[in-house]
């Protein structure tokens, strides 16, 4: 299964445990990047069971990217 950067305008392949390509990851503020890692659970990309906290964080990431267009 191919996994790509979650940025709305990017389709660069990234490893399944990664949220974004390098370019779009570093567009995010450091505090938001730390929040992604703080809420990430190793293996959630395999069992497809991310926490509600992680999904809330991803919603914040998506909102940030949309504001940054």
Protein backbone atom coordinates (compact mmCIF):
# COMPACT_ATOMS: atom_id res chain seq x y z
CA UNK A 1 0.00 0.00 0.00
CA UNK A 2 1.39 3.37 -0.99
CA UNK A 3 1.26 6.15 1.52
CA UNK A 4 1.71 9.77 0.53
CA UNK A 5 2.24 13.08 2.27
CA UNK A 6 -0.96 14.24 3.94
CA UNK A 7 -0.57 17.82 2.74
CA UNK A 8 -3.64 18.56 0.59
CA UNK A 9 -1.57 19.47 -2.48
CA UNK A 10 1.19 16.86 -2.24
CA UNK A 11 1.47 13.26 -3.40
CA UNK A 12 5.09 12.52 -2.51
CA UNK A 13 5.44 8.95 -1.16
CA UNK A 14 6.46 8.73 2.50
CA UNK A 15 6.81 5.79 4.92
CA UNK A 16 3.46 4.81 6.50
CA UNK A 17 4.46 6.09 9.96
CA UNK A 18 5.30 9.52 8.57
CA UNK A 19 2.64 12.20 8.26
CA UNK A 20 4.27 14.32 5.59
CA UNK A 21 7.18 14.77 3.25
CA UNK A 22 10.17 16.70 4.57
CA UNK A 23 9.09 19.96 2.89
CA UNK A 24 5.60 19.98 4.33
CA UNK A 25 6.63 18.62 7.72
CA UNK A 26 8.99 21.55 8.29
CA UNK A 27 6.36 24.08 7.21
CA UNK A 28 4.54 23.18 10.42
CA UNK A 29 5.45 25.11 13.59
CA UNK A 30 7.72 23.15 15.90
CA UNK A 31 5.05 23.01 18.61
CA UNK A 32 2.62 21.33 16.22
CA UNK A 33 5.28 18.85 15.06
CA UNK A 34 5.98 17.96 18.70
CA UNK A 35 2.25 17.49 19.29
CA UNK A 36 2.07 15.05 16.36
CA UNK A 37 4.86 12.92 17.85
CA UNK A 38 3.45 13.21 21.38
CA UNK A 39 0.10 11.79 20.24
CA UNK A 40 1.48 9.21 17.79
CA UNK A 41 1.45 5.60 18.97
CA UNK A 42 3.96 3.26 17.29
CA UNK A 43 2.07 0.73 15.21
CA UNK A 44 -1.08 2.79 14.71
CA UNK A 45 -0.33 2.90 10.99
CA UNK A 46 -0.48 -0.91 10.98
CA UNK A 47 -3.55 -1.57 13.14
CA UNK A 48 -5.36 1.56 11.91
CA UNK A 49 -6.32 2.51 15.49
CA UNK A 50 -4.99 6.05 16.06
CA UNK A 51 -6.09 7.77 19.26
CA UNK A 52 -8.66 10.54 19.34
CA UNK A 53 -5.87 12.87 20.49
CA UNK A 54 -3.80 12.02 17.41
CA UNK A 55 -6.76 12.57 15.09
CA UNK A 56 -7.48 15.91 16.77
CA UNK A 57 -3.85 16.88 16.20
CA UNK A 58 -4.03 15.87 12.55
CA UNK A 59 -7.12 18.07 12.17
CA UNK A 60 -5.06 20.97 13.54
CA UNK A 61 -2.27 20.15 11.06
CA UNK A 62 -4.70 20.09 8.15
CA UNK A 63 -6.22 23.41 9.25
CA UNK A 64 -2.75 24.96 9.49
CA UNK A 65 -1.82 23.77 6.00
CA UNK A 66 -5.08 25.08 4.56
CA UNK A 67 -4.45 28.52 6.09
CA UNK A 68 -0.90 28.50 4.68
CA UNK A 69 -1.86 28.14 0.99
